[in-house]
Amino acid sequence: MSTAIISHFDCRRHKMIEGHPEDPSRIDAISDRLIASGLEYSLDHFDAQPVAKEHLLRVHDSLYLAELEELQPSEGLVNVDADTQMCPQTLRAARRSAGAGVQAVDLVVETEHKAVFCNVRPPGHHAERHEAGGFCFYNNIAVAAAYALEKLNLERIAIIDFDVHHGNGTEDIFKDNDKVMFCSLFQHPFFPYSNPDAVNPLHIKSPVSAGAGSKEFRDIVTESWLPALKEYKPQMLFISAGFDAHRDDDMGEINLEDSDYSWVTNHLVDLSHELDCVGIVSMLEGGYVPGALGRSAVAHVRALAGI
């Protein structure tokens, strides 16, 4: 599958407090590992374009967007919540991150690239329609999905989220939408302390306890997600690719291996082929230990590319 990478130097400009796990080195950890693996040279690379406000307004309230603009400081840091800060370059980075998702949809639709991985930050899946938090400001995957629904007049798309934290923002934005299936693995109880029960019947929430591992994850994918996805027949797939469920990442305790990310991605690529989907757009979410993040992302991208 012809595969592209989207990133931008601006995504490195957003910085929070010293020692914060969601820092610019995450982008470099993936880029460096792509180069070391040799995979870098098999992919096409694009600079992320800033998102247009019209795309943000599909998933975020205008008052919320205005509040973010007002909050961004001209110097220093401003707290959005206990774990999330804004610096003078935060929204510049966030616009590139959200814009990458829109750009990825265009690449999948208009070029030979049928899978795109967006190596961008800040992440997005905790950003709700009216609220930032959990290191997130704009919900990147929701922006991309909503754009695809409108641009292509799709009836069914699916978002798969295997971050260790529940994508509460994605759930919030699409809670009343009958065109979006949302499959989410997450450690429970754990931040953001979401209700483990789904309100929308198209939302498949898969909470697992601390100490779970590869078997529990693979059982969820094969026994729950894949049968539901095959029955639903999404026309396009979106992935919230969080790698903080890795056993070496101290952010969570689900204990996945590098190979689990290639395994689940291979299944999603096969599903995309089987259903003749438009393609796959994947966006970086969590992953905070450079070695594990780089290896896991490369496993994921290699599977997207079928290499």
Protein backbone atom coordinates (compact mmCIF):
# COMPACT_ATOMS: atom_id res chain seq x y z
CA MET A 1 0.00 0.00 0.00
CA SER A 2 1.57 3.32 -1.08
CA THR A 3 2.13 5.23 2.17
CA ALA A 4 3.00 8.80 3.11
CA ILE A 5 4.23 10.57 6.24
CA ILE A 6 3.08 14.06 7.21
CA SER A 7 4.93 16.15 9.79
CA HIS A 8 6.23 19.68 10.32
CA PHE A 9 8.91 21.46 12.34
CA ASP A 10 6.22 23.65 13.93
CA CYS A 11 5.02 20.56 15.80
CA ARG A 12 8.28 20.76 17.77
CA ARG A 13 7.63 24.35 18.83
CA HIS A 14 4.87 23.55 21.34
CA LYS A 15 6.44 23.09 24.76
CA MET A 16 5.00 22.63 28.23
CA ILE A 17 6.69 22.54 31.64
CA GLU A 18 10.23 21.19 31.92
CA GLY A 19 10.18 17.40 32.06
CA HIS A 20 6.65 17.08 30.63
CA PRO A 21 6.28 13.70 28.88
CA GLU A 22 4.50 15.20 25.86
CA ASP A 23 7.51 17.04 24.48
CA PRO A 24 9.11 17.77 21.08
CA SER A 25 11.45 14.77 21.31
CA ARG A 26 8.50 12.51 20.51
CA ILE A 27 8.51 13.66 16.88
CA ASP A 28 12.27 13.07 16.63
CA ALA A 29 12.04 9.64 18.26
CA ILE A 30 9.82 8.49 15.40
CA SER A 31 11.75 10.27 12.65
CA ASP A 32 15.08 8.94 13.89
CA ARG A 33 13.79 5.37 14.10
CA LEU A 34 12.30 5.60 10.60
CA ILE A 35 15.74 6.59 9.31
CA ALA A 36 17.56 3.90 11.30
CA SER A 37 15.17 1.24 10.06
CA GLY A 38 15.59 2.27 6.42
CA LEU A 39 11.84 2.69 6.15
CA GLU A 40 12.21 6.46 5.81
CA TYR A 41 13.37 6.08 2.21
CA SER A 42 10.38 3.97 1.15
CA LEU A 43 7.84 6.63 2.09
CA ASP A 44 6.75 9.95 0.62
CA HIS A 45 7.03 12.91 2.97
CA PHE A 46 4.85 16.01 3.17
CA ASP A 47 4.91 19.13 5.32
CA ALA A 48 1.71 19.56 7.32
CA GLN A 49 -0.38 22.53 6.26
CA PRO A 50 -2.18 24.65 8.88
CA VAL A 51 -5.83 23.81 9.35
CA ALA A 52 -8.54 26.17 8.13
CA LYS A 53 -11.03 27.35 10.74
CA GLU A 54 -13.92 25.82 8.78
CA HIS A 55 -12.48 22.37 9.43
CA LEU A 56 -12.16 22.99 13.17
CA LEU A 57 -15.74 24.24 13.34
CA ARG A 58 -17.08 20.85 12.24
CA VAL A 59 -16.00 19.39 15.57
CA HIS A 60 -15.39 22.33 17.94
CA ASP A 61 -17.59 25.17 19.13
CA SER A 62 -16.67 28.66 17.92
CA LEU A 63 -16.61 30.01 21.47
CA TYR A 64 -14.16 27.29 22.48
CA LEU A 65 -11.87 28.16 19.57
CA ALA A 66 -11.99 31.82 20.56
CA GLU A 67 -11.19 30.94 24.17
CA LEU A 68 -8.07 29.06 23.07
CA GLU A 69 -6.93 32.06 21.05
CA GLU A 70 -7.42 34.29 24.08
CA LEU A 71 -5.62 31.87 26.40
CA GLN A 72 -2.45 31.54 24.32
CA PRO A 73 0.24 33.62 26.03
CA SER A 74 2.68 35.98 24.33
CA GLU A 75 5.38 34.63 26.66
CA GLY A 76 5.71 31.96 29.30
CA LEU A 77 3.11 29.27 29.97
CA VAL A 78 -0.61 29.24 30.74
CA ASN A 79 -2.31 26.26 32.40
CA VAL A 80 -5.28 24.73 30.60
CA ASP A 81 -5.57 21.96 33.16
CA ALA A 82 -3.23 20.42 35.73
CA ASP A 83 -1.30 18.51 33.06
CA THR A 84 -1.67 20.75 30.02
CA GLN A 85 -0.07 24.09 29.30
CA MET A 86 0.02 26.51 26.38
CA CYS A 87 3.13 28.39 25.24
CA PRO A 88 3.30 31.14 22.59
CA GLN A 89 3.72 28.53 19.83
CA THR A 90 1.07 26.04 20.98
CA LEU A 91 -1.71 26.90 18.55
CA ARG A 92 0.76 27.18 15.69
CA ALA A 93 1.70 23.56 16.35
CA ALA A 94 -1.91 22.51 16.94
CA ARG A 95 -3.02 24.02 13.63
CA ARG A 96 -0.36 22.00 11.81
CA SER A 97 -1.41 18.84 13.66
CA ALA A 98 -5.09 19.23 12.82
CA GLY A 99 -4.23 20.35 9.31
CA ALA A 100 -2.21 17.18 8.78
CA GLY A 101 -5.38 15.12 9.17
CA VAL A 102 -7.23 17.12 6.54
CA GLN A 103 -4.21 16.91 4.25
CA ALA A 104 -4.00 13.15 4.81
CA VAL A 105 -7.60 12.70 3.69
CA ASP A 106 -6.84 14.66 0.52
CA LEU A 107 -3.75 12.54 -0.17
CA VAL A 108 -5.69 9.31 0.26
CA VAL A 109 -8.48 10.52 -2.02
CA GLU A 110 -6.51 12.35 -4.68
CA THR A 111 -3.21 10.46 -4.99
CA GLU A 112 -1.86 6.92 -5.07
CA HIS A 113 -1.24 7.03 -1.30
CA LYS A 114 -3.80 4.80 0.36
CA ALA A 115 -2.37 5.10 3.87
CA VAL A 116 -0.96 8.17 5.62
CA PHE A 117 0.66 8.45 9.04
CA CYS A 118 0.71 11.89 10.65
CA ASN A 119 3.76 12.28 12.90
CA VAL A 120 2.44 15.37 14.64
CA ARG A 121 1.86 16.89 18.05
CA PRO A 122 0.11 18.05 20.18
CA PRO A 123 -2.13 14.98 20.16
CA GLY A 124 -5.89 15.34 19.96
CA HIS A 125 -8.16 12.55 21.16
CA HIS A 126 -8.86 14.07 24.60
CA ALA A 127 -10.04 17.39 23.14
CA GLU A 128 -13.83 17.55 23.43
CA ARG A 129 -16.16 19.79 21.46
CA HIS A 130 -15.96 22.51 24.12
CA GLU A 131 -12.91 21.65 26.18
CA ALA A 132 -9.15 21.06 25.97
CA GLY A 133 -7.23 18.73 28.27
CA GLY A 134 -5.04 15.67 28.49
CA PHE A 135 -2.29 17.40 26.45
CA CYS A 136 -4.83 18.02 23.62
CA PHE A 137 -6.27 21.22 22.09
CA TYR A 138 -7.85 20.36 18.73
CA ASN A 139 -9.17 16.85 18.15
CA ASN A 140 -7.04 15.96 15.15
CA ILE A 141 -8.61 12.62 14.30
CA ALA A 142 -12.12 14.06 14.61
CA VAL A 143 -11.21 16.97 12.34
CA ALA A 144 -9.94 14.53 9.71
CA ALA A 145 -12.93 12.19 10.02
CA ALA A 146 -15.53 14.98 9.87
CA TYR A 147 -13.78 16.45 6.82
CA ALA A 148 -13.85 13.08 5.06
CA LEU A 149 -17.53 12.57 5.82
CA GLU A 150 -18.37 15.90 4.20
CA LYS A 151 -15.86 15.91 1.34
CA LEU A 152 -16.69 12.40 0.17
CA ASN A 153 -20.31 12.29 1.30
CA LEU A 154 -19.58 9.07 3.16
CA GLU A 155 -22.19 7.16 5.11
CA ARG A 156 -19.91 5.07 7.33
CA ILE A 157 -16.42 5.59 8.68
CA ALA A 158 -14.59 3.99 11.60
CA ILE A 159 -12.10 5.36 14.12
CA ILE A 160 -9.87 2.83 15.89
CA ASP A 161 -8.10 4.07 19.03
CA PHE A 162 -5.54 1.84 20.77
CA ASP A 163 -4.02 4.49 23.04
CA VAL A 164 -3.76 3.45 26.69
CA HIS A 165 -6.17 6.31 27.55
CA HIS A 166 -9.76 6.46 26.40
CA GLY A 167 -10.40 8.93 23.58
CA ASN A 168 -13.06 10.81 25.51
CA GLY A 169 -12.89 13.78 23.17
CA THR A 170 -13.56 11.66 20.11
CA GLU A 171 -16.44 9.98 21.90
CA ASP A 172 -17.87 13.35 22.92
CA ILE A 173 -17.69 14.81 19.42
CA PHE A 174 -19.31 11.82 17.72
CA LYS A 175 -21.64 10.69 20.51
CA ASP A 176 -24.79 11.44 18.48
CA ASN A 177 -23.37 10.61 15.04
CA ASP A 178 -24.67 7.50 13.28
CA LYS A 179 -21.97 7.64 10.60
CA VAL A 180 -19.02 6.96 12.91
CA MET A 181 -18.06 3.67 14.52
CA PHE A 182 -15.57 4.23 17.34
CA CYS A 183 -13.51 1.34 18.71
CA SER A 184 -11.45 2.29 21.77
CA LEU A 185 -9.12 0.22 23.93
CA PHE A 186 -8.16 1.82 27.25
CA GLN A 187 -6.91 1.03 30.72
CA HIS A 188 -9.67 1.35 33.33
CA PRO A 189 -9.91 2.90 35.84
CA PHE A 190 -7.45 5.45 34.51
CA PHE A 191 -7.29 8.97 33.11
CA PRO A 192 -9.63 10.44 31.84
CA TYR A 193 -11.83 8.22 34.05
CA SER A 194 -14.47 7.73 31.38
CA ASN A 195 -17.64 5.76 31.88
CA PRO A 196 -16.76 2.30 30.49
CA ASP A 197 -20.27 1.91 29.08
CA ALA A 198 -21.06 3.17 25.59
CA VAL A 199 -23.94 5.58 24.99
CA ASN A 200 -23.85 5.32 21.21
CA PRO A 201 -24.32 1.70 20.02
CA LEU A 202 -21.66 2.35 17.36
CA HIS A 203 -19.08 3.06 20.08
CA ILE A 204 -17.27 -0.10 21.12
CA LYS A 205 -15.50 0.68 24.37
CA SER A 206 -13.00 -1.94 25.48
CA PRO A 207 -11.73 -1.19 29.00
CA VAL A 208 -8.98 -3.44 30.36
CA SER A 209 -7.41 -3.61 33.79
CA ALA A 210 -3.85 -2.69 34.64
CA GLY A 211 -1.65 -5.71 34.04
CA ALA A 212 -3.40 -6.78 30.86
CA GLY A 213 -1.23 -7.71 27.91
CA SER A 214 -1.04 -8.87 24.33
CA LYS A 215 -3.55 -11.69 24.67
CA GLU A 216 -6.28 -9.46 26.08
CA PHE A 217 -5.63 -6.86 23.38
CA ARG A 218 -5.63 -9.38 20.54
CA ASP A 219 -8.77 -11.06 21.85
CA ILE A 220 -10.56 -7.69 21.87
CA VAL A 221 -9.51 -6.99 18.29
CA THR A 222 -10.40 -10.42 16.91
CA GLU A 223 -13.53 -11.14 18.94
CA SER A 224 -15.07 -7.68 19.23
CA TRP A 225 -13.65 -5.03 16.90
CA LEU A 226 -13.11 -6.92 13.66
CA PRO A 227 -16.52 -8.67 13.60
CA ALA A 228 -18.27 -5.35 14.31
CA LEU A 229 -16.23 -3.52 11.69
CA LYS A 230 -16.89 -6.16 9.06
CA GLU A 231 -20.62 -5.98 9.75
CA TYR A 232 -20.62 -2.18 9.72
CA LYS A 233 -18.54 -1.94 6.52
CA PRO A 234 -16.86 1.45 7.00
CA GLN A 235 -15.89 3.22 3.80
CA MET A 236 -12.75 4.74 5.34
CA LEU A 237 -10.59 3.94 8.37
CA PHE A 238 -9.02 6.37 10.84
CA ILE A 239 -6.55 5.38 13.55
CA SER A 240 -5.78 7.20 16.77
CA ALA A 241 -2.32 5.68 17.04
CA GLY A 242 -1.29 5.97 20.65
CA PHE A 243 1.72 3.86 21.64
CA ASP A 244 1.62 4.42 25.40
CA ALA A 245 0.10 0.99 26.04
CA HIS A 246 3.59 -0.43 25.37
CA ARG A 247 5.13 -2.38 28.24
CA ASP A 248 8.15 -0.02 28.31
CA ASP A 249 6.00 3.11 28.58
CA ASP A 250 5.43 4.08 32.20
CA MET A 251 2.34 6.11 31.31
CA GLY A 252 0.16 2.97 31.50
CA GLU A 253 0.11 -0.70 32.39
CA ILE A 254 -1.38 -2.63 29.47
CA ASN A 255 2.00 -4.12 28.48
CA LEU A 256 1.79 -4.36 24.71
CA GLU A 257 4.79 -5.28 22.56
CA ASP A 258 6.14 -3.76 19.33
CA SER A 259 4.68 -6.71 17.47
CA ASP A 260 1.15 -5.97 18.73
CA TYR A 261 1.15 -2.70 16.81
CA SER A 262 2.20 -4.33 13.57
CA TRP A 263 -0.31 -7.14 14.18
CA VAL A 264 -3.33 -4.86 14.70
CA THR A 265 -2.29 -2.62 11.82
CA ASN A 266 -1.97 -5.60 9.48
CA HIS A 267 -5.52 -6.59 10.39
CA LEU A 268 -6.77 -3.08 9.68
CA VAL A 269 -4.95 -2.95 6.34
CA ASP A 270 -6.46 -6.31 5.40
CA LEU A 271 -9.89 -5.04 6.42
CA SER A 272 -9.42 -1.91 4.31
CA HIS A 273 -8.63 -4.08 1.29
CA GLU A 274 -11.48 -6.49 2.00
CA LEU A 275 -14.04 -3.68 2.25
CA ASP A 276 -12.50 -1.67 -0.61
CA CYS A 277 -12.13 1.32 1.70
CA VAL A 278 -11.01 4.71 0.41
CA GLY A 279 -7.92 4.31 2.58
CA ILE A 280 -6.43 4.75 6.06
CA VAL A 281 -5.49 7.92 7.93
CA SER A 282 -3.47 7.38 11.11
CA MET A 283 -2.57 10.10 13.60
CA LEU A 284 -0.10 10.00 16.47
CA GLU A 285 -1.65 10.22 19.91
CA GLY A 286 0.31 9.03 22.99
CA GLY A 287 3.67 7.34 23.45
CA TYR A 288 6.18 8.88 25.84
CA VAL A 289 9.31 6.71 26.07
CA PRO A 290 11.46 7.46 22.99
CA GLY A 291 12.72 3.95 22.33
CA ALA A 292 9.36 2.22 22.66
CA LEU A 293 7.59 5.03 20.79
CA GLY A 294 10.01 4.93 17.87
CA ARG A 295 9.95 1.14 17.53
CA SER A 296 6.17 0.93 17.86
CA ALA A 297 5.53 3.70 15.34
CA VAL A 298 7.90 2.07 12.84
CA ALA A 299 6.11 -1.27 13.31
CA HIS A 300 2.81 0.51 12.67
CA VAL A 301 4.02 2.40 9.60
CA ARG A 302 5.75 -0.65 8.17
CA ALA A 303 2.46 -2.54 8.39
CA LEU A 304 0.57 0.38 6.81
CA ALA A 305 3.03 0.28 3.92
CA GLY A 306 2.96 -3.51 3.64
CA ILE A 307 6.75 -3.68 3.90
